[in-house]
C-alpha atoms as a PDB file:
ATOM      1  CA  MET A   1      63.503 102.761 165.558  1.00  0.00           C
ATOM      2  CA  ASN A   2      65.657 104.112 162.715  1.00  0.00           C
ATOM      3  CA  SER A   3      64.477 104.170 159.102  1.00  0.00           C
ATOM      4  CA  SER A   4      66.853 101.434 157.859  1.00  0.00           C
ATOM      5  CA  ARG A   5      65.627  99.074 160.583  1.00  0.00           C
ATOM      6  CA  ARG A   6      61.991  99.852 159.702  1.00  0.00           C
ATOM      7  CA  LYS A   7      62.734  99.079 156.071  1.00  0.00           C
ATOM      8  CA  PHE A   8      64.418  95.804 157.068  1.00  0.00           C
ATOM      9  CA  ILE A   9      61.456  94.704 159.168  1.00  0.00           C
ATOM     10  CA  LYS A  10      58.957  95.746 156.508  1.00  0.00           C
ATOM     11  CA  ALA A  11      60.848  93.791 153.869  1.00  0.00           C
ATOM     12  CA  SER A  12      61.005  90.740 156.127  1.00  0.00           C
ATOM     13  CA  ALA A  13      57.284  90.944 156.768  1.00  0.00           C
ATOM     14  CA  LEU A  14      56.503  91.241 153.047  1.00  0.00           C
ATOM     15  CA  GLY A  15      58.696  88.224 152.333  1.00  0.00           C
ATOM     16  CA  LEU A  16      56.958  86.243 155.048  1.00  0.00           C
ATOM     17  CA  GLY A  17      53.610  86.048 153.296  1.00  0.00           C
ATOM     18  CA  ALA A  18      55.110  84.577 150.140  1.00  0.00           C
ATOM     19  CA  SER A  19      57.124  81.863 151.848  1.00  0.00           C
ATOM     20  CA  LEU A  20      55.027  80.357 154.655  1.00  0.00           C
ATOM     21  CA  ALA A  21      52.485  78.104 152.940  1.00  0.00           C
ATOM     22  CA  PRO A  22      51.183  75.725 154.205  1.00  0.00           C
ATOM     23  CA  TRP A  23      52.231  76.974 157.665  1.00  0.00           C
ATOM     24  CA  GLN A  24      51.294  80.642 157.199  1.00  0.00           C
ATOM     25  CA  ASP A  25      48.921  80.950 160.128  1.00  0.00           C
ATOM     26  CA  PHE A  26      51.162  78.950 162.422  1.00  0.00           C
ATOM     27  CA  MET A  27      54.379  80.752 161.537  1.00  0.00           C
ATOM     28  CA  ALA A  28      52.800  84.214 161.542  1.00  0.00           C
ATOM     29  CA  LYS A  29      52.278  83.858 165.272  1.00  0.00           C
ATOM     30  CA  ALA A  30      56.058  83.433 165.685  1.00  0.00           C
ATOM     31  CA  PHE A  31      56.964  86.548 163.743  1.00  0.00           C
ATOM     32  CA  LEU A  32      57.620  89.449 166.087  1.00  0.00           C
ATOM     33  CA  GLN A  33      58.901  92.877 165.177  1.00  0.00           C
ATOM     34  CA  ASN A  34      59.817  95.571 167.659  1.00  0.00           C
ATOM     35  CA  GLN A  35      62.764  97.556 168.915  1.00  0.00           C
ATOM     36  CA  GLU A  36      64.013  94.880 171.279  1.00  0.00           C
ATOM     37  CA  HIS A  37      64.182  91.695 169.227  1.00  0.00           C
ATOM     38  CA  VAL A  38      63.142  90.203 165.914  1.00  0.00           C
ATOM     39  CA  MET A  39      61.873  86.749 164.938  1.00  0.00           C
ATOM     40  CA  ARG A  40      62.571  86.485 161.204  1.00  0.00           C
ATOM     41  CA  PRO A  41      61.517  83.394 159.223  1.00  0.00           C
ATOM     42  CA  LEU A  42      63.865  82.361 156.395  1.00  0.00           C
ATOM     43  CA  ARG A  43      62.445  79.214 154.748  1.00  0.00           C
ATOM     44  CA  ASN A  44      61.034  75.773 155.534  1.00  0.00           C
ATOM     45  CA  ASN A  45      60.123  76.626 159.146  1.00  0.00           C
ATOM     46  CA  VAL A  46      63.661  77.844 159.931  1.00  0.00           C
ATOM     47  CA  GLY A  47      64.356  81.392 161.005  1.00  0.00           C
ATOM     48  CA  ILE A  48      66.561  83.624 163.124  1.00  0.00           C
ATOM     49  CA  PHE A  49      66.193  85.550 166.357  1.00  0.00           C
ATOM     50  CA  THR A  50      68.184  88.687 167.098  1.00  0.00           C
ATOM     51  CA  ASP A  51      68.437  90.566 170.346  1.00  0.00           C
ATOM     52  CA  ARG A  52      71.784  90.823 172.186  1.00  0.00           C
ATOM     53  CA  GLY A  53      74.617  88.486 171.324  1.00  0.00           C
ATOM     54  CA  GLY A  54      75.304  86.013 168.538  1.00  0.00           C
ATOM     55  CA  THR A  55      72.486  85.284 166.125  1.00  0.00           C
ATOM     56  CA  ILE A  56      70.144  82.490 167.154  1.00  0.00           C
ATOM     57  CA  ALA A  57      68.586  80.124 164.596  1.00  0.00           C
ATOM     58  CA  TRP A  58      65.358  78.230 165.231  1.00  0.00           C
ATOM     59  CA  TYR A  59      63.254  75.475 163.672  1.00  0.00           C
ATOM     60  CA  LEU A  60      59.598  75.645 164.693  1.00  0.00           C
ATOM     61  CA  THR A  61      56.722  73.306 163.783  1.00  0.00           C
ATOM     62  CA  PRO A  62      53.957  71.583 165.799  1.00  0.00           C
ATOM     63  CA  ASN A  63      56.030  68.393 165.572  1.00  0.00           C
ATOM     64  CA  GLY A  64      59.428  69.675 166.634  1.00  0.00           C
ATOM     65  CA  ILE A  65      61.484  72.593 167.920  1.00  0.00           C
ATOM     66  CA  ALA A  66      65.202  73.154 167.605  1.00  0.00           C
ATOM     67  CA  VAL A  67      67.319  76.118 168.717  1.00  0.00           C
ATOM     68  CA  VAL A  68      70.906  76.944 167.696  1.00  0.00           C
ATOM     69  CA  ASP A  69      72.749  79.177 170.195  1.00  0.00           C
ATOM     70  CA  THR A  70      71.105  81.016 173.087  1.00  0.00           C
ATOM     71  CA  GLN A  71      72.751  84.469 173.517  1.00  0.00           C
ATOM     72  CA  PHE A  72      72.321  85.510 177.184  1.00  0.00           C
ATOM     73  CA  PRO A  73      69.697  84.406 179.753  1.00  0.00           C
ATOM     74  CA  ALA A  74      67.499  87.512 179.247  1.00  0.00           C
ATOM     75  CA  SER A  75      67.619  87.101 175.447  1.00  0.00           C
ATOM     76  CA  ALA A  76      66.884  83.373 175.721  1.00  0.00           C
ATOM     77  CA  LYS A  77      63.824  84.080 177.858  1.00  0.00           C
ATOM     78  CA  LYS A  78      62.483  86.435 175.152  1.00  0.00           C
ATOM     79  CA  LEU A  79      62.981  83.706 172.547  1.00  0.00           C
ATOM     80  CA  ILE A  80      61.239  81.145 174.750  1.00  0.00           C
ATOM     81  CA  GLY A  81      58.338  83.575 175.128  1.00  0.00           C
ATOM     82  CA  GLU A  82      58.006  83.791 171.341  1.00  0.00           C
ATOM     83  CA  LEU A  83      58.123  79.986 170.980  1.00  0.00           C
ATOM     84  CA  ARG A  84      55.468  79.663 173.666  1.00  0.00           C
ATOM     85  CA  LYS A  85      53.061  81.788 171.593  1.00  0.00           C
ATOM     86  CA  THR A  86      52.719  78.868 169.163  1.00  0.00           C
ATOM     87  CA  THR A  87      53.285  75.730 171.227  1.00  0.00           C
ATOM     88  CA  ASP A  88      54.015  74.580 174.767  1.00  0.00           C
ATOM     89  CA  ARG A  89      55.993  71.503 173.715  1.00  0.00           C
ATOM     90  CA  LYS A  90      59.522  71.003 174.999  1.00  0.00           C
ATOM     91  CA  VAL A  91      62.473  71.989 172.834  1.00  0.00           C
ATOM     92  CA  ASP A  92      63.637  68.847 171.105  1.00  0.00           C
ATOM     93  CA  LEU A  93      67.172  69.960 170.393  1.00  0.00           C
ATOM     94  CA  LEU A  94      69.471  72.757 171.541  1.00  0.00           C
ATOM     95  CA  VAL A  95      72.830  73.283 169.802  1.00  0.00           C
ATOM     96  CA  ASN A  96      75.806  75.504 170.709  1.00  0.00           C
ATOM     97  CA  THR A  97      78.008  76.472 167.778  1.00  0.00           C
ATOM     98  CA  HIS A  98      80.815  77.189 170.290  1.00  0.00           C
ATOM     99  CA  HIS A  99      81.321  78.029 173.958  1.00  0.00           C
ATOM    100  CA  HIS A 100      81.444  81.849 174.104  1.00  0.00           C
ATOM    101  CA  GLY A 101      78.979  83.411 176.522  1.00  0.00           C
ATOM    102  CA  ASP A 102      77.100  85.422 173.914  1.00  0.00           C
ATOM    103  CA  HIS A 103      76.216  82.085 172.285  1.00  0.00           C
ATOM    104  CA  SER A 104      75.825  79.720 175.242  1.00  0.00           C
ATOM    105  CA  ALA A 105      75.095  81.677 178.444  1.00  0.00           C
ATOM    106  CA  GLY A 106      71.379  81.570 177.609  1.00  0.00           C
ATOM    107  CA  ASN A 107      71.400  77.775 177.838  1.00  0.00           C
ATOM    108  CA  PHE A 108      70.495  78.103 181.490  1.00  0.00           C
ATOM    109  CA  ALA A 109      67.114  79.579 180.587  1.00  0.00           C
ATOM    110  CA  PHE A 110      66.252  76.254 178.888  1.00  0.00           C
ATOM    111  CA  LYS A 111      66.881  74.175 182.026  1.00  0.00           C
ATOM    112  CA  GLY A 112      64.103  71.610 182.316  1.00  0.00           C
ATOM    113  CA  MET A 113      62.806  72.467 178.869  1.00  0.00           C
ATOM    114  CA  VAL A 114      65.213  70.485 176.691  1.00  0.00           C
ATOM    115  CA  ASP A 115      66.625  66.952 176.882  1.00  0.00           C
ATOM    116  CA  THR A 116      69.355  67.074 174.222  1.00  0.00           C
ATOM    117  CA  ILE A 117      72.045  69.752 174.089  1.00  0.00           C
ATOM    118  CA  VAL A 118      74.735  69.181 171.478  1.00  0.00           C
ATOM    119  CA  ALA A 119      78.133  70.760 170.848  1.00  0.00           C
ATOM    120  CA  HIS A 120      81.616  69.771 169.689  1.00  0.00           C
ATOM    121  CA  GLU A 121      83.577  68.072 172.461  1.00  0.00           C
ATOM    122  CA  ASN A 122      86.106  70.916 172.562  1.00  0.00           C
ATOM    123  CA  SER A 123      83.300  73.436 172.896  1.00  0.00           C
ATOM    124  CA  LYS A 124      82.018  71.720 176.028  1.00  0.00           C
ATOM    125  CA  LYS A 125      85.531  71.492 177.455  1.00  0.00           C
ATOM    126  CA  ASN A 126      86.067  75.215 176.810  1.00  0.00           C
ATOM    127  CA  GLN A 127      82.727  76.148 178.321  1.00  0.00           C
ATOM    128  CA  MET A 128      83.444  74.139 181.485  1.00  0.00           C
ATOM    129  CA  ARG A 129      86.989  75.529 181.783  1.00  0.00           C
ATOM    130  CA  VAL A 130      85.845  79.137 181.475  1.00  0.00           C
ATOM    131  CA  ALA A 131      82.932  78.614 183.891  1.00  0.00           C
ATOM    132  CA  GLU A 132      85.200  76.969 186.458  1.00  0.00           C
ATOM    133  CA  ASN A 133      87.795  79.748 186.179  1.00  0.00           C
ATOM    134  CA  ARG A 134      85.069  82.367 186.690  1.00  0.00           C
ATOM    135  CA  ASN A 135      83.335  80.411 189.457  1.00  0.00           C
ATOM    136  CA  GLN A 136      80.154  80.250 187.356  1.00  0.00           C
ATOM    137  CA  MET A 137      79.548  76.505 187.242  1.00  0.00           C
ATOM    138  CA  ASP A 138      76.147  76.887 188.915  1.00  0.00           C
ATOM    139  CA  THR A 139      74.842  79.273 186.240  1.00  0.00           C
ATOM    140  CA  GLN A 140      75.679  77.042 183.263  1.00  0.00           C
ATOM    141  CA  LEU A 141      73.719  74.404 181.365  1.00  0.00           C
ATOM    142  CA  PHE A 142      76.345  72.320 179.602  1.00  0.00           C
ATOM    143  CA  PRO A 143      75.911  70.124 176.506  1.00  0.00           C
ATOM    144  CA  ASN A 144      75.047  66.538 177.354  1.00  0.00           C
ATOM    145  CA  THR A 145      75.878  65.201 173.897  1.00  0.00           C
ATOM    146  CA  THR A 146      79.165  65.840 172.098  1.00  0.00           C
ATOM    147  CA  TYR A 147      80.866  64.729 168.881  1.00  0.00           C
ATOM    148  CA  THR A 148      84.302  64.895 167.258  1.00  0.00           C
ATOM    149  CA  GLU A 149      83.769  65.011 163.489  1.00  0.00           C
ATOM    150  CA  SER A 150      80.021  65.005 162.692  1.00  0.00           C
ATOM    151  CA  TRP A 151      76.614  64.467 164.281  1.00  0.00           C
ATOM    152  CA  ALA A 152      73.045  64.351 162.966  1.00  0.00           C
ATOM    153  CA  GLY A 153      69.547  64.106 164.429  1.00  0.00           C
ATOM    154  CA  LYS A 154      65.935  64.367 163.322  1.00  0.00           C
ATOM    155  CA  VAL A 155      63.571  67.016 164.681  1.00  0.00           C
ATOM    156  CA  GLY A 156      60.086  66.990 163.238  1.00  0.00           C
ATOM    157  CA  GLU A 157      60.469  66.771 159.457  1.00  0.00           C
ATOM    158  CA  GLU A 158      63.946  68.299 159.508  1.00  0.00           C
ATOM    159  CA  THR A 159      67.374  66.664 159.720  1.00  0.00           C
ATOM    160  CA  ILE A 160      69.899  68.792 161.628  1.00  0.00           C
ATOM    161  CA  SER A 161      73.558  67.930 161.173  1.00  0.00           C
ATOM    162  CA  LEU A 162      76.693  69.306 162.806  1.00  0.00           C
ATOM    163  CA  LYS A 163      80.138  69.220 161.242  1.00  0.00           C
ATOM    164  CA  TYR A 164      83.575  70.172 162.573  1.00  0.00           C
ATOM    165  CA  PHE A 165      86.034  71.528 160.011  1.00  0.00           C
ATOM    166  CA  GLY A 166      88.972  72.257 162.343  1.00  0.00           C
ATOM    167  CA  SER A 167      90.389  75.019 164.571  1.00  0.00           C
ATOM    168  CA  ALA A 168      89.369  78.501 163.530  1.00  0.00           C
ATOM    169  CA  HIS A 169      87.606  81.064 165.747  1.00  0.00           C
ATOM    170  CA  THR A 170      88.107  78.482 168.514  1.00  0.00           C
ATOM    171  CA  ASP A 171      89.028  74.799 168.451  1.00  0.00           C
ATOM    172  CA  GLY A 172      85.372  73.750 168.838  1.00  0.00           C
ATOM    173  CA  ASP A 173      83.358  75.566 166.163  1.00  0.00           C
ATOM    174  CA  SER A 174      80.401  73.676 164.681  1.00  0.00           C
ATOM    175  CA  VAL A 175      78.588  74.393 161.430  1.00  0.00           C
ATOM    176  CA  VAL A 176      74.919  73.518 161.968  1.00  0.00           C
ATOM    177  CA  HIS A 177      72.992  72.540 158.851  1.00  0.00           C
ATOM    178  CA  PHE A 178      69.198  72.358 158.548  1.00  0.00           C
ATOM    179  CA  GLU A 179      69.388  69.960 155.651  1.00  0.00           C
ATOM    180  CA  LYS A 180      65.842  70.151 154.258  1.00  0.00           C
ATOM    181  CA  ALA A 181      65.796  73.941 154.461  1.00  0.00           C
ATOM    182  CA  ASN A 182      69.448  74.049 153.338  1.00  0.00           C
ATOM    183  CA  ILE A 183      70.343  76.693 155.902  1.00  0.00           C
ATOM    184  CA  ALA A 184      73.714  76.544 157.663  1.00  0.00           C
ATOM    185  CA  HIS A 185      74.488  78.406 160.896  1.00  0.00           C
ATOM    186  CA  LEU A 186      78.200  79.307 161.044  1.00  0.00           C
ATOM    187  CA  GLY A 187      78.302  80.697 164.560  1.00  0.00           C
ATOM    188  CA  ASP A 188      81.296  83.021 164.812  1.00  0.00           C
ATOM    189  CA  LEU A 189      83.137  81.515 161.862  1.00  0.00           C
ATOM    190  CA  LEU A 190      82.003  84.661 160.124  1.00  0.00           C
ATOM    191  CA  PHE A 191      82.087  88.208 161.449  1.00  0.00           C
ATOM    192  CA  ARG A 192      80.610  90.145 158.478  1.00  0.00           C
ATOM    193  CA  LYS A 193      82.756  93.240 157.755  1.00  0.00           C
ATOM    194  CA  ARG A 194      84.026  93.250 161.342  1.00  0.00           C
ATOM    195  CA  HIS A 195      87.478  92.458 162.616  1.00  0.00           C
ATOM    196  CA  PRO A 196      86.967  89.093 164.318  1.00  0.00           C
ATOM    197  CA  TYR A 197      87.863  87.901 167.774  1.00  0.00           C
ATOM    198  CA  VAL A 198      90.496  85.170 167.468  1.00  0.00           C
ATOM    199  CA  ASP A 199      90.311  83.168 170.711  1.00  0.00           C
ATOM    200  CA  THR A 200      93.899  81.903 170.971  1.00  0.00           C
ATOM    201  CA  SER A 201      93.199  80.830 174.568  1.00  0.00           C
ATOM    202  CA  SER A 202      90.771  78.272 173.093  1.00  0.00           C
ATOM    203  CA  GLY A 203      92.907  76.925 170.257  1.00  0.00           C
ATOM    204  CA  ALA A 204      92.065  79.489 167.552  1.00  0.00           C
ATOM    205  CA  SER A 205      94.150  79.675 164.372  1.00  0.00           C
ATOM    206  CA  ILE A 206      93.935  82.224 161.578  1.00  0.00           C
ATOM    207  CA  GLN A 207      95.549  79.862 159.074  1.00  0.00           C
ATOM    208  CA  GLY A 208      93.182  77.150 160.270  1.00  0.00           C
ATOM    209  CA  TRP A 209      90.273  79.557 159.892  1.00  0.00           C
ATOM    210  CA  ILE A 210      91.168  80.147 156.254  1.00  0.00           C
ATOM    211  CA  GLU A 211      91.234  76.399 155.649  1.00  0.00           C
ATOM    212  CA  VAL A 212      87.952  75.925 157.516  1.00  0.00           C
ATOM    213  CA  LEU A 213      86.188  78.500 155.329  1.00  0.00           C
ATOM    214  CA  GLU A 214      87.551  76.793 152.209  1.00  0.00           C
ATOM    215  CA  GLY A 215      86.226  73.484 153.502  1.00  0.00           C
ATOM    216  CA  ILE A 216      82.798  74.933 154.148  1.00  0.00           C
ATOM    217  CA  LEU A 217      82.654  76.461 150.664  1.00  0.00           C
ATOM    218  CA  LYS A 218      83.379  73.059 149.156  1.00  0.00           C
ATOM    219  CA  HIS A 219      80.994  71.133 151.402  1.00  0.00           C
ATOM    220  CA  TYR A 220      77.737  73.111 151.009  1.00  0.00           C
ATOM    221  CA  SER A 221      75.823  73.932 147.846  1.00  0.00           C
ATOM    222  CA  LYS A 222      75.414  77.212 145.971  1.00  0.00           C
ATOM    223  CA  GLU A 223      71.794  77.291 147.172  1.00  0.00           C
ATOM    224  CA  THR A 224      72.751  77.153 150.870  1.00  0.00           C
ATOM    225  CA  ILE A 225      71.649  80.123 152.970  1.00  0.00           C
ATOM    226  CA  PHE A 226      74.315  80.958 155.570  1.00  0.00           C
ATOM    227  CA  VAL A 227      73.630  82.536 158.950  1.00  0.00           C
ATOM    228  CA  TRP A 228      76.463  84.005 160.999  1.00  0.00           C
ATOM    229  CA  GLY A 229      76.942  85.399 164.479  1.00  0.00           C
ATOM    230  CA  HIS A 230      77.858  89.054 164.027  1.00  0.00           C
ATOM    231  CA  ALA A 231      78.086  91.839 161.468  1.00  0.00           C
ATOM    232  CA  ASN A 232      79.166  95.468 161.323  1.00  0.00           C
ATOM    233  CA  ASN A 233      75.616  96.157 160.135  1.00  0.00           C
ATOM    234  CA  PRO A 234      73.470  94.232 162.678  1.00  0.00           C
ATOM    235  CA  GLU A 235      70.972  93.360 159.948  1.00  0.00           C
ATOM    236  CA  ASP A 236      73.622  91.807 157.677  1.00  0.00           C
ATOM    237  CA  ILE A 237      73.612  88.354 159.303  1.00  0.00           C
ATOM    238  CA  VAL A 238      72.241  86.224 156.470  1.00  0.00           C
ATOM    239  CA  GLY A 239      73.708  85.657 153.017  1.00  0.00           C
ATOM    240  CA  ASP A 240      75.347  83.373 150.479  1.00  0.00           C
ATOM    241  CA  ALA A 241      78.798  81.984 149.900  1.00  0.00           C
ATOM    242  CA  THR A 242      80.238  85.315 148.766  1.00  0.00           C
ATOM    243  CA  ALA A 243      80.390  86.402 152.423  1.00  0.00           C
ATOM    244  CA  LEU A 244      82.566  83.386 153.242  1.00  0.00           C
ATOM    245  CA  GLU A 245      84.824  84.051 150.284  1.00  0.00           C
ATOM    246  CA  GLU A 246      85.283  87.664 151.421  1.00  0.00           C
ATOM    247  CA  LYS A 247      86.154  86.596 154.994  1.00  0.00           C
ATOM    248  CA  ARG A 248      88.616  83.968 153.734  1.00  0.00           C
ATOM    249  CA  ASP A 249      90.335  86.588 151.603  1.00  0.00           C
ATOM    250  CA  TYR A 250      90.314  89.062 154.495  1.00  0.00           C
ATOM    251  CA  LEU A 251      92.043  86.574 156.815  1.00  0.00           C
ATOM    252  CA  THR A 252      94.610  85.811 154.120  1.00  0.00           C
ATOM    253  CA  LYS A 253      95.360  89.522 153.850  1.00  0.00           C
ATOM    254  CA  VAL A 254      95.756  89.783 157.607  1.00  0.00           C
ATOM    255  CA  LEU A 255      98.410  87.047 157.649  1.00  0.00           C
ATOM    256  CA  ASP A 256     100.199  88.484 154.605  1.00  0.00           C
ATOM    257  CA  PHE A 257     100.280  91.994 156.061  1.00  0.00           C
ATOM    258  CA  VAL A 258     101.545  90.937 159.510  1.00  0.00           C
ATOM    259  CA  ASN A 259     104.095  88.609 157.929  1.00  0.00           C
ATOM    260  CA  LYS A 260     105.513  91.616 156.013  1.00  0.00           C
ATOM    261  CA  GLU A 261     105.549  93.691 159.170  1.00  0.00           C
ATOM    262  CA  ILE A 262     107.484  90.986 161.020  1.00  0.00           C
ATOM    263  CA  ALA A 263     109.926  90.683 158.099  1.00  0.00           C
ATOM    264  CA  ALA A 264     110.466  94.439 158.339  1.00  0.00           C
ATOM    265  CA  GLY A 265     111.514  94.034 161.949  1.00  0.00           C
ATOM    266  CA  LYS A 266     108.341  95.455 163.512  1.00  0.00           C
ATOM    267  CA  SER A 267     107.562  94.540 167.116  1.00  0.00           C
ATOM    268  CA  GLU A 268     104.098  93.346 168.141  1.00  0.00           C
ATOM    269  CA  GLU A 269     103.516  96.750 169.796  1.00  0.00           C
ATOM    270  CA  GLU A 270     104.299  98.474 166.515  1.00  0.00           C
ATOM    271  CA  VAL A 271     102.081  96.127 164.518  1.00  0.00           C
ATOM    272  CA  LEU A 272      99.162  96.812 166.856  1.00  0.00           C
ATOM    273  CA  LYS A 273      99.421 100.552 166.091  1.00  0.00           C
ATOM    274  CA  ASN A 274      98.118  99.955 162.548  1.00  0.00           C
ATOM    275  CA  THR A 275      94.636 101.282 161.941  1.00  0.00           C
ATOM    276  CA  GLU A 276      93.990  99.516 158.637  1.00  0.00           C
ATOM    277  CA  ILE A 277      94.934  96.335 156.784  1.00  0.00           C
ATOM    278  CA  PRO A 278      95.656  96.859 153.084  1.00  0.00           C
ATOM    279  CA  GLY A 279      92.942  95.514 150.805  1.00  0.00           C
ATOM    280  CA  THR A 280      90.222  95.202 153.451  1.00  0.00           C
ATOM    281  CA  GLU A 281      87.774  97.835 152.276  1.00  0.00           C
ATOM    282  CA  GLY A 282      84.593  98.215 154.289  1.00  0.00           C
ATOM    283  CA  TYR A 283      86.254  97.597 157.657  1.00  0.00           C
ATOM    284  CA  ASP A 284      86.724 100.368 160.179  1.00  0.00           C
ATOM    285  CA  SER A 285      89.467 100.303 162.823  1.00  0.00           C
ATOM    286  CA  ARG A 286      87.354  98.999 165.700  1.00  0.00           C
ATOM    287  CA  GLY A 287      88.789  95.751 167.027  1.00  0.00           C
ATOM    288  CA  ILE A 288      91.627  95.652 164.531  1.00  0.00           C
ATOM    289  CA  GLU A 289      94.088  94.798 167.307  1.00  0.00           C
ATOM    290  CA  ARG A 290      92.385  91.404 167.726  1.00  0.00           C
ATOM    291  CA  PRO A 291      93.384  89.825 164.409  1.00  0.00           C
ATOM    292  CA  LEU A 292      96.697  91.744 164.253  1.00  0.00           C
ATOM    293  CA  GLY A 293      97.764  90.476 167.674  1.00  0.00           C
ATOM    294  CA  ALA A 294      96.646  86.927 166.966  1.00  0.00           C
ATOM    295  CA  ALA A 295      98.412  86.905 163.592  1.00  0.00           C
ATOM    296  CA  TYR A 296     101.640  88.232 165.149  1.00  0.00           C
ATOM    297  CA  GLN A 297     101.620  85.516 167.810  1.00  0.00           C
ATOM    298  CA  GLU A 298     100.763  82.795 165.287  1.00  0.00           C
ATOM    299  CA  LEU A 299     103.452  83.805 162.789  1.00  0.00           C
ATOM    300  CA  SER A 300     106.105  84.357 165.467  1.00  0.00           C
ATOM    301  CA  LYS A 301     105.913  80.806 166.795  1.00  0.00           C
END
């Protein structure tokens, strides 16, 4: 384990003792630290799980369990093992922020363990379409509850609400809000300091993404803790609204840059040869072709 990761885990452990009362003994059992995966409490019985894939959020009390996103089957089984250290109750609620496999493939590990699986209606359609195209219908556990604009349910003492702000990373991205804890899981609406995947095959829109982030910034409070799916630094997956503002500005710069390239007569092939986008400090060139290509297609329509 590298030194920065040891410092991260140590800091998380130190913060744990100050924030768990009156559930300190109960929650301490759920806090695992090792090289493979991390259970990290945030506040009010809500925390995150990291292993391989998009960040998972969890709510864990003796009276209720909720899980947001599931990564892959092997990762999901590790999470289930951690939950089972504190309680053998069924999972009350499972949520998918969107359909991509690194967020929903682990659903199958929860088969028989959860009654309610919620996602946006477009997310379920996308998940079913992709599974059918790949002949993987028998290895999927699909949402059995969908919504179009908003949804809310009670788990234990927590109210968990889902809201759809429009097409962005896909056309079915949910923001999942633990209202009492005031923690919002963004799924892949935020790739922290990473060039994002823009899934145009599933209705993605960079302009829509900008508007969605603006809507989220207006909807939630300054005290909201945001959790997102991915980051250039794997430990940088929790933060405040400044991360959303930075990503909104980044996406605006992507569109502005590609628009100028098109106006200069550049072909898509030429645009994709760029290794940086002006004004996006802190980003390396890995994956830059994803937003550049999507922006070119979107602006060329």
